[in-house]
Amino acid sequence: MPKRTDIQSILIIGAGPIVIGQACEFDYSGAQACKALREEGFRVILVNSNPATIMTDPAMADATYIEPITWKTVEKIIEKEKPDALLPTMGGQTALNCALDLEKHGVLEKHGVEMIGANADTID
């Protein structure tokens, strides 16, 4: 697949708190996504409510927010960072639910942010 030149920055939503034995795969896949996207030249913005993850290492993203994963919090990050795209598929159900809320409340359309990796119809 050719690299998209219309996207410069991507906001990744993490999985939040990890229960021992559960959801660590989202931390790993999210960290790998951050690395791969940065290697391709994209600016990566990360939001995750769990500071004890590989993803929240300062070297993983260009901007990291350790904040609650709610649509209102993520909207504030979108307003500040102005990403071109949102990638919710690296954060499991928590991230997918947040992405749906952002879509339902018109946040993505309002700020011109494209959901990539999956669309709202697929998630819902």
N, C-alpha and C. Protein backbone atom coordinates (compact mmCIF):
# COMPACT_ATOMS: atom_id res chain seq x y z
N MET A 1 0.85 -1.17 0.00
CA MET A 1 0.00 0.00 0.00
C MET A 1 0.90 1.24 0.00
N PRO A 2 0.64 2.18 -0.88
CA PRO A 2 1.48 3.39 -0.91
C PRO A 2 1.23 4.27 0.31
N LYS A 3 2.27 5.00 0.70
CA LYS A 3 2.16 5.91 1.84
C LYS A 3 1.21 7.05 1.50
N ARG A 4 0.36 7.38 2.43
CA ARG A 4 -0.57 8.49 2.24
C ARG A 4 0.15 9.80 2.50
N THR A 5 0.15 10.66 1.51
CA THR A 5 0.83 11.94 1.65
C THR A 5 -0.09 13.03 2.20
N ASP A 6 -1.38 12.73 2.30
CA ASP A 6 -2.33 13.71 2.84
C ASP A 6 -2.39 13.66 4.37
N ILE A 7 -1.71 12.70 4.97
CA ILE A 7 -1.68 12.58 6.43
C ILE A 7 -0.27 12.86 6.91
N GLN A 8 -0.15 13.82 7.82
CA GLN A 8 1.14 14.16 8.41
C GLN A 8 1.26 13.71 9.86
N SER A 9 0.13 13.76 10.58
CA SER A 9 0.16 13.42 12.01
C SER A 9 -1.01 12.50 12.35
N ILE A 10 -0.72 11.57 13.27
CA ILE A 10 -1.69 10.55 13.64
C ILE A 10 -1.80 10.47 15.16
N LEU A 11 -3.03 10.52 15.65
CA LEU A 11 -3.30 10.36 17.08
C LEU A 11 -3.66 8.90 17.34
N ILE A 12 -2.90 8.26 18.23
CA ILE A 12 -3.17 6.88 18.61
C ILE A 12 -3.76 6.87 20.02
N ILE A 13 -4.86 6.14 20.19
CA ILE A 13 -5.47 5.99 21.51
C ILE A 13 -5.03 4.65 22.08
N GLY A 14 -4.43 4.69 23.27
CA GLY A 14 -3.98 3.47 23.94
C GLY A 14 -5.12 2.76 24.65
N ALA A 15 -4.77 1.65 25.29
CA ALA A 15 -5.77 0.78 25.92
C ALA A 15 -6.12 1.15 27.35
N GLY A 16 -5.30 2.01 27.96
CA GLY A 16 -5.56 2.34 29.36
C GLY A 16 -4.99 1.29 30.28
N PRO A 17 -5.53 1.18 31.49
CA PRO A 17 -4.99 0.25 32.49
C PRO A 17 -5.01 -1.20 32.00
N ILE A 18 -3.98 -1.92 32.37
CA ILE A 18 -3.85 -3.32 31.98
C ILE A 18 -4.02 -4.20 33.21
N VAL A 19 -4.91 -5.17 33.12
CA VAL A 19 -5.07 -6.16 34.16
C VAL A 19 -4.02 -7.24 33.91
N ILE A 20 -3.40 -7.73 34.96
CA ILE A 20 -2.36 -8.74 34.78
C ILE A 20 -2.92 -9.90 33.95
N GLY A 21 -2.21 -10.20 32.88
CA GLY A 21 -2.62 -11.28 32.00
C GLY A 21 -3.60 -10.88 30.92
N GLN A 22 -4.02 -9.62 30.91
CA GLN A 22 -4.98 -9.16 29.90
C GLN A 22 -4.54 -7.85 29.29
N ALA A 23 -4.73 -7.71 28.01
CA ALA A 23 -4.56 -6.47 27.25
C ALA A 23 -3.12 -6.02 27.05
N CYS A 24 -2.14 -6.79 27.51
CA CYS A 24 -0.76 -6.37 27.26
C CYS A 24 -0.44 -6.41 25.77
N GLU A 25 -1.20 -7.20 25.00
CA GLU A 25 -0.97 -7.25 23.56
C GLU A 25 -1.27 -5.90 22.91
N PHE A 26 -2.17 -5.12 23.50
CA PHE A 26 -2.46 -3.80 22.95
C PHE A 26 -1.29 -2.85 23.19
N ASP A 27 -0.64 -2.98 24.32
CA ASP A 27 0.54 -2.16 24.59
C ASP A 27 1.63 -2.49 23.58
N TYR A 28 1.86 -3.76 23.35
CA TYR A 28 2.90 -4.17 22.41
C TYR A 28 2.57 -3.71 20.99
N SER A 29 1.35 -3.97 20.54
CA SER A 29 0.98 -3.59 19.17
C SER A 29 0.97 -2.08 19.02
N GLY A 30 0.54 -1.37 20.05
CA GLY A 30 0.56 0.09 20.00
C GLY A 30 1.96 0.65 19.93
N ALA A 31 2.87 0.06 20.69
CA ALA A 31 4.27 0.50 20.66
C ALA A 31 4.87 0.24 19.28
N GLN A 32 4.56 -0.91 18.70
CA GLN A 32 5.06 -1.22 17.36
C GLN A 32 4.48 -0.27 16.32
N ALA A 33 3.20 0.09 16.47
CA ALA A 33 2.58 1.04 15.55
C ALA A 33 3.26 2.40 15.66
N CYS A 34 3.52 2.85 16.88
CA CYS A 34 4.22 4.13 17.07
C CYS A 34 5.57 4.12 16.35
N LYS A 35 6.34 3.06 16.56
CA LYS A 35 7.66 2.95 15.93
C LYS A 35 7.55 2.97 14.41
N ALA A 36 6.66 2.15 13.88
CA ALA A 36 6.53 2.04 12.42
C ALA A 36 6.07 3.35 11.80
N LEU A 37 5.10 4.00 12.42
CA LEU A 37 4.59 5.25 11.87
C LEU A 37 5.64 6.35 11.92
N ARG A 38 6.39 6.42 13.00
CA ARG A 38 7.46 7.42 13.10
C ARG A 38 8.56 7.14 12.07
N GLU A 39 8.89 5.87 11.87
CA GLU A 39 9.89 5.52 10.86
C GLU A 39 9.45 5.94 9.46
N GLU A 40 8.14 5.95 9.23
CA GLU A 40 7.60 6.38 7.94
C GLU A 40 7.48 7.90 7.83
N GLY A 41 7.83 8.60 8.89
CA GLY A 41 7.84 10.06 8.85
C GLY A 41 6.59 10.74 9.36
N PHE A 42 5.67 9.98 9.93
CA PHE A 42 4.47 10.58 10.49
C PHE A 42 4.77 11.13 11.88
N ARG A 43 4.11 12.23 12.23
CA ARG A 43 4.16 12.73 13.60
C ARG A 43 3.14 11.93 14.39
N VAL A 44 3.57 11.34 15.49
CA VAL A 44 2.69 10.47 16.28
C VAL A 44 2.36 11.14 17.61
N ILE A 45 1.07 11.22 17.88
CA ILE A 45 0.55 11.74 19.14
C ILE A 45 -0.12 10.56 19.84
N LEU A 46 0.17 10.39 21.10
CA LEU A 46 -0.36 9.24 21.84
C LEU A 46 -1.12 9.71 23.07
N VAL A 47 -2.29 9.12 23.30
CA VAL A 47 -2.99 9.31 24.56
C VAL A 47 -3.23 7.94 25.17
N ASN A 48 -2.87 7.82 26.45
CA ASN A 48 -3.06 6.57 27.18
C ASN A 48 -3.19 6.94 28.66
N SER A 49 -4.11 6.31 29.34
CA SER A 49 -4.30 6.63 30.76
C SER A 49 -3.38 5.84 31.67
N ASN A 50 -2.61 4.93 31.10
CA ASN A 50 -1.72 4.09 31.91
C ASN A 50 -0.27 4.53 31.71
N PRO A 51 0.34 5.14 32.72
CA PRO A 51 1.74 5.58 32.57
C PRO A 51 2.74 4.43 32.60
N ALA A 52 2.31 3.24 33.01
CA ALA A 52 3.23 2.11 33.16
C ALA A 52 3.19 1.18 31.94
N THR A 53 3.20 1.77 30.76
CA THR A 53 3.20 0.97 29.54
C THR A 53 4.41 1.31 28.70
N ILE A 54 4.75 0.43 27.79
CA ILE A 54 5.83 0.71 26.85
C ILE A 54 5.45 1.89 25.96
N MET A 55 4.18 1.97 25.59
CA MET A 55 3.71 3.02 24.69
C MET A 55 3.98 4.42 25.22
N THR A 56 3.92 4.60 26.54
CA THR A 56 4.06 5.95 27.09
C THR A 56 5.51 6.34 27.33
N ASP A 57 6.45 5.52 26.93
CA ASP A 57 7.86 5.91 26.95
C ASP A 57 8.00 7.15 26.06
N PRO A 58 8.65 8.20 26.54
CA PRO A 58 8.76 9.44 25.76
C PRO A 58 9.35 9.25 24.36
N ALA A 59 10.13 8.22 24.16
CA ALA A 59 10.75 8.00 22.85
C ALA A 59 9.78 7.38 21.84
N MET A 60 8.62 6.93 22.28
CA MET A 60 7.68 6.25 21.40
C MET A 60 6.89 7.19 20.49
N ALA A 61 6.57 8.37 20.99
CA ALA A 61 5.73 9.29 20.23
C ALA A 61 6.32 10.69 20.27
N ASP A 62 5.86 11.52 19.35
CA ASP A 62 6.31 12.91 19.32
C ASP A 62 5.65 13.73 20.43
N ALA A 63 4.46 13.33 20.81
CA ALA A 63 3.74 13.96 21.93
C ALA A 63 2.97 12.86 22.65
N THR A 64 3.09 12.83 23.97
CA THR A 64 2.44 11.80 24.77
C THR A 64 1.57 12.45 25.84
N TYR A 65 0.34 11.99 25.94
CA TYR A 65 -0.59 12.49 26.95
C TYR A 65 -1.02 11.33 27.83
N ILE A 66 -0.77 11.45 29.11
CA ILE A 66 -1.25 10.46 30.08
C ILE A 66 -2.50 11.07 30.71
N GLU A 67 -3.61 10.74 30.11
CA GLU A 67 -4.90 11.34 30.45
C GLU A 67 -5.99 10.26 30.40
N PRO A 68 -7.12 10.53 31.05
CA PRO A 68 -8.24 9.59 30.94
C PRO A 68 -8.67 9.44 29.48
N ILE A 69 -9.05 8.25 29.11
CA ILE A 69 -9.48 8.01 27.73
C ILE A 69 -10.99 8.21 27.65
N THR A 70 -11.37 9.47 27.52
CA THR A 70 -12.76 9.85 27.33
C THR A 70 -12.82 10.73 26.09
N TRP A 71 -13.98 10.79 25.46
CA TRP A 71 -14.07 11.57 24.24
C TRP A 71 -13.82 13.05 24.51
N LYS A 72 -14.21 13.55 25.67
CA LYS A 72 -13.99 14.97 25.98
C LYS A 72 -12.51 15.27 26.17
N THR A 73 -11.79 14.38 26.82
CA THR A 73 -10.36 14.57 27.00
C THR A 73 -9.64 14.48 25.66
N VAL A 74 -10.00 13.50 24.86
CA VAL A 74 -9.35 13.33 23.56
C VAL A 74 -9.69 14.51 22.65
N GLU A 75 -10.89 15.06 22.77
CA GLU A 75 -11.22 16.24 21.97
C GLU A 75 -10.28 17.40 22.29
N LYS A 76 -9.96 17.59 23.56
CA LYS A 76 -9.03 18.66 23.93
C LYS A 76 -7.65 18.43 23.32
N ILE A 77 -7.22 17.19 23.27
CA ILE A 77 -5.94 16.86 22.65
C ILE A 77 -6.00 17.12 21.15
N ILE A 78 -7.11 16.76 20.53
CA ILE A 78 -7.29 17.03 19.10
C ILE A 78 -7.25 18.53 18.83
N GLU A 79 -7.91 19.32 19.67
CA GLU A 79 -7.90 20.77 19.51
C GLU A 79 -6.48 21.33 19.59
N LYS A 80 -5.68 20.79 20.50
CA LYS A 80 -4.32 21.29 20.69
C LYS A 80 -3.37 20.79 19.61
N GLU A 81 -3.40 19.51 19.31
CA GLU A 81 -2.42 18.89 18.42
C GLU A 81 -2.79 18.92 16.94
N LYS A 82 -4.08 19.02 16.65
CA LYS A 82 -4.58 19.06 15.29
C LYS A 82 -4.08 17.90 14.40
N PRO A 83 -4.32 16.67 14.84
CA PRO A 83 -3.89 15.53 14.02
C PRO A 83 -4.72 15.42 12.74
N ASP A 84 -4.14 14.82 11.73
CA ASP A 84 -4.87 14.57 10.48
C ASP A 84 -5.71 13.31 10.58
N ALA A 85 -5.26 12.37 11.43
CA ALA A 85 -5.93 11.07 11.51
C ALA A 85 -5.95 10.55 12.94
N LEU A 86 -6.92 9.68 13.19
CA LEU A 86 -7.07 9.01 14.47
C LEU A 86 -6.97 7.51 14.23
N LEU A 87 -6.09 6.84 14.98
CA LEU A 87 -5.93 5.39 14.88
C LEU A 87 -6.35 4.75 16.20
N PRO A 88 -7.59 4.26 16.28
CA PRO A 88 -8.08 3.70 17.54
C PRO A 88 -7.87 2.19 17.69
N THR A 89 -7.45 1.52 16.64
CA THR A 89 -7.42 0.06 16.66
C THR A 89 -6.27 -0.53 17.46
N MET A 90 -5.38 0.29 17.98
CA MET A 90 -4.26 -0.21 18.78
C MET A 90 -4.58 -0.24 20.27
N GLY A 91 -5.77 0.23 20.65
CA GLY A 91 -6.10 0.35 22.06
C GLY A 91 -7.25 -0.50 22.53
N GLY A 92 -7.62 -1.50 21.77
CA GLY A 92 -8.68 -2.40 22.21
C GLY A 92 -10.03 -1.73 22.32
N GLN A 93 -10.90 -2.33 23.12
CA GLN A 93 -12.28 -1.86 23.23
C GLN A 93 -12.36 -0.45 23.81
N THR A 94 -11.48 -0.12 24.73
CA THR A 94 -11.48 1.23 25.32
C THR A 94 -11.30 2.29 24.24
N ALA A 95 -10.31 2.10 23.39
CA ALA A 95 -10.02 3.06 22.33
C ALA A 95 -11.13 3.08 21.28
N LEU A 96 -11.65 1.91 20.95
CA LEU A 96 -12.72 1.85 19.96
C LEU A 96 -13.97 2.57 20.46
N ASN A 97 -14.31 2.37 21.72
CA ASN A 97 -15.47 3.06 22.31
C ASN A 97 -15.27 4.57 22.29
N CYS A 98 -14.07 5.01 22.62
CA CYS A 98 -13.77 6.44 22.61
C CYS A 98 -13.89 7.00 21.19
N ALA A 99 -13.37 6.27 20.22
CA ALA A 99 -13.45 6.72 18.82
C ALA A 99 -14.90 6.84 18.37
N LEU A 100 -15.73 5.88 18.76
CA LEU A 100 -17.16 5.95 18.42
C LEU A 100 -17.80 7.18 19.04
N ASP A 101 -17.47 7.47 20.29
CA ASP A 101 -18.01 8.66 20.95
C ASP A 101 -17.55 9.94 20.25
N LEU A 102 -16.30 9.98 19.84
CA LEU A 102 -15.79 11.15 19.10
C LEU A 102 -16.57 11.34 17.81
N GLU A 103 -16.84 10.24 17.13
CA GLU A 103 -17.61 10.28 15.88
C GLU A 103 -19.04 10.73 16.15
N LYS A 104 -19.69 10.13 17.14
CA LYS A 104 -21.09 10.44 17.45
C LYS A 104 -21.29 11.88 17.88
N HIS A 105 -20.30 12.45 18.56
CA HIS A 105 -20.41 13.84 19.01
C HIS A 105 -19.89 14.84 17.98
N GLY A 106 -19.53 14.37 16.80
CA GLY A 106 -19.12 15.25 15.71
C GLY A 106 -17.74 15.84 15.84
N VAL A 107 -16.94 15.32 16.76
CA VAL A 107 -15.61 15.89 17.02
C VAL A 107 -14.68 15.68 15.82
N LEU A 108 -14.69 14.50 15.25
CA LEU A 108 -13.79 14.21 14.14
C LEU A 108 -14.12 15.08 12.93
N GLU A 109 -15.40 15.18 12.60
CA GLU A 109 -15.81 16.02 11.48
C GLU A 109 -15.49 17.49 11.74
N LYS A 110 -15.77 17.95 12.94
CA LYS A 110 -15.53 19.35 13.31
C LYS A 110 -14.07 19.74 13.11
N HIS A 111 -13.16 18.83 13.44
CA HIS A 111 -11.73 19.13 13.39
C HIS A 111 -11.04 18.55 12.16
N GLY A 112 -11.80 17.94 11.26
CA GLY A 112 -11.23 17.39 10.04
C GLY A 112 -10.28 16.24 10.27
N VAL A 113 -10.61 15.38 11.24
CA VAL A 113 -9.76 14.23 11.57
C VAL A 113 -10.38 12.97 10.96
N GLU A 114 -9.59 12.23 10.20
CA GLU A 114 -10.05 11.00 9.58
C GLU A 114 -9.74 9.81 10.48
N MET A 115 -10.72 8.96 10.71
CA MET A 115 -10.47 7.73 11.45
C MET A 115 -9.87 6.71 10.49
N ILE A 116 -8.71 6.17 10.85
CA ILE A 116 -8.05 5.18 10.00
C ILE A 116 -7.93 3.85 10.75
N GLY A 117 -7.73 2.78 10.01
CA GLY A 117 -7.62 1.46 10.62
C GLY A 117 -8.97 0.76 10.71
N ALA A 118 -10.00 1.52 10.94
CA ALA A 118 -11.39 1.04 10.98
C ALA A 118 -12.28 2.28 10.92
N ASN A 119 -13.49 2.11 10.45
CA ASN A 119 -14.41 3.25 10.47
C ASN A 119 -15.51 3.00 11.50
N ALA A 120 -16.29 4.02 11.77
CA ALA A 120 -17.31 3.94 12.82
C ALA A 120 -18.32 2.83 12.55
N ASP A 121 -18.70 2.64 11.28
CA ASP A 121 -19.67 1.58 10.96
C ASP A 121 -19.10 0.20 11.28
N THR A 122 -17.84 0.01 11.00
CA THR A 122 -17.20 -1.28 11.27
C THR A 122 -17.10 -1.53 12.77
N ILE A 123 -16.75 -0.50 13.53
CA ILE A 123 -16.60 -0.64 14.98
C ILE A 123 -17.95 -0.89 15.64
N ASP A 124 -18.95 -0.13 15.20
CA ASP A 124 -20.28 -0.22 15.80
C ASP A 124 -20.93 -1.52 15.42
